[in-house]
Protein backbone atom coordinates (compact mmCIF):
# COMPACT_ATOMS: atom_id res chain seq x y z
CA MET A 1 13.05 -6.08 -6.24
CA HIS A 2 9.38 -6.59 -5.46
CA THR A 3 9.41 -9.92 -7.30
CA LEU A 4 12.28 -11.18 -5.14
CA LYS A 5 10.44 -10.15 -1.99
CA VAL A 6 7.31 -12.00 -3.08
CA ILE A 7 9.32 -15.13 -3.95
CA GLY A 8 11.00 -14.85 -0.53
CA ALA A 9 7.57 -14.65 1.06
CA GLY A 10 6.68 -17.87 -0.75
CA PHE A 11 9.71 -19.61 0.70
CA ALA A 12 8.84 -18.21 4.14
CA LEU A 13 5.31 -19.60 3.86
CA LEU A 14 6.66 -22.97 2.76
CA GLY A 15 9.06 -23.00 5.71
CA LEU A 16 6.29 -22.06 8.12
CA LEU A 17 4.07 -24.86 6.84
CA LEU A 18 6.94 -27.34 7.05
CA VAL A 19 7.51 -26.37 10.68
CA LEU A 20 3.83 -26.43 11.62
CA SER A 21 2.71 -29.52 9.70
CA PRO A 22 4.12 -32.15 12.12
CA ARG A 23 2.08 -30.51 14.88
CA LEU A 24 -1.20 -30.74 12.97
CA VAL A 25 -3.35 -33.81 13.44
CA ALA A 26 -4.36 -33.85 9.77
CA ALA A 27 -0.73 -34.36 8.72
CA GLY A 28 -0.51 -37.73 10.41
CA SER A 29 2.79 -39.40 9.66
CA ARG A 30 3.30 -37.48 6.40
CA PRO A 31 4.11 -33.88 7.36
CA ILE A 32 6.09 -32.96 4.23
CA GLY A 33 3.40 -34.26 1.92
CA PHE A 34 0.74 -32.48 3.93
CA ALA A 35 2.71 -29.21 3.95
CA THR A 36 3.24 -29.26 0.19
CA LYS A 37 -0.40 -30.15 -0.51
CA LEU A 38 -1.41 -27.20 1.64
CA PHE A 39 1.24 -24.85 0.25
CA ILE A 40 0.58 -25.20 -3.48
CA PRO A 41 -3.05 -23.92 -3.53
CA ILE A 42 -2.39 -21.24 -0.91
CA TRP A 43 0.62 -19.97 -2.83
CA PHE A 44 -1.26 -20.10 -6.14
CA CYS A 45 -3.94 -17.82 -4.67
CA ALA A 46 -1.31 -15.48 -3.23
CA ALA A 47 0.46 -15.31 -6.61
CA LEU A 48 -2.87 -14.54 -8.29
CA VAL A 49 -3.42 -11.69 -5.82
CA ASN A 50 0.04 -10.39 -6.70
CA LEU A 51 -0.90 -10.61 -10.40
CA TRP A 52 -4.13 -8.73 -9.77
CA VAL A 53 -2.32 -5.99 -7.83
CA GLY A 54 0.24 -5.64 -10.59
CA ILE A 55 -2.44 -5.22 -13.23
CA ASN A 56 -5.03 -3.15 -11.36
CA ARG A 57 -2.98 -1.10 -8.93
CA ALA A 58 0.53 -0.85 -10.36
CA GLY A 59 -0.68 -0.25 -13.89
CA TYR A 60 1.15 -3.05 -15.69
CA GLY A 61 -0.48 -4.89 -18.54
CA ALA A 62 -1.51 -8.52 -18.34
CA THR A 63 1.13 -9.46 -20.92
CA GLN A 64 3.78 -7.91 -18.66
CA GLU A 65 2.48 -9.55 -15.50
CA TRP A 66 1.95 -13.17 -16.66
CA PRO A 67 5.67 -14.00 -16.89
CA ILE A 68 6.16 -12.48 -13.43
CA PHE A 69 3.25 -14.57 -12.14
CA LEU A 70 4.85 -17.72 -13.53
CA LEU A 71 8.13 -16.84 -11.85
CA VAL A 72 6.53 -15.85 -8.53
CA PHE A 73 4.42 -18.98 -8.38
CA GLY A 74 6.78 -21.38 -10.09
CA VAL A 75 9.99 -20.98 -8.10
CA PRO A 76 8.55 -21.69 -4.62
CA ALA A 77 6.14 -24.31 -6.00
CA ALA A 78 9.02 -26.11 -7.73
CA ALA A 79 10.97 -26.06 -4.47
CA ALA A 80 7.98 -27.53 -2.63
CA LEU A 81 7.57 -30.27 -5.21
CA LEU A 82 11.29 -31.00 -5.10
CA LEU A 83 11.09 -31.36 -1.30
CA ARG A 84 8.12 -33.64 -1.62
CA TRP A 85 9.88 -35.75 -4.24
CA SER A 86 13.15 -35.87 -2.26
CA PHE A 87 11.52 -36.92 1.00
CA GLY A 88 8.55 -38.68 -0.58
CA ARG A 89 9.86 -42.15 0.02
CA ARG A 90 9.82 -41.55 3.76
CA ASN A 91 7.35 -38.75 4.59
CA ALA A 92 5.10 -37.86 1.68
């Protein structure tokens, strides 16, 4: 259940960045590209924090947590890259 909540948080962060990116000057005329470029490293760091918490606080082993890390990071990151690819011809 925790994994689904963290993945949901990733989608929420991606949605927030997609909403905010057109309002940022740095995005220029490419808000989706800017949002995904911003999202991927932020989400990678957040997924690493989740990995660290799972190993150091929850007591799981690294071999148990790495597949969860790949899932937690990979699903929202893949969605972001799919958005960028889908709208890349116009906005990225």
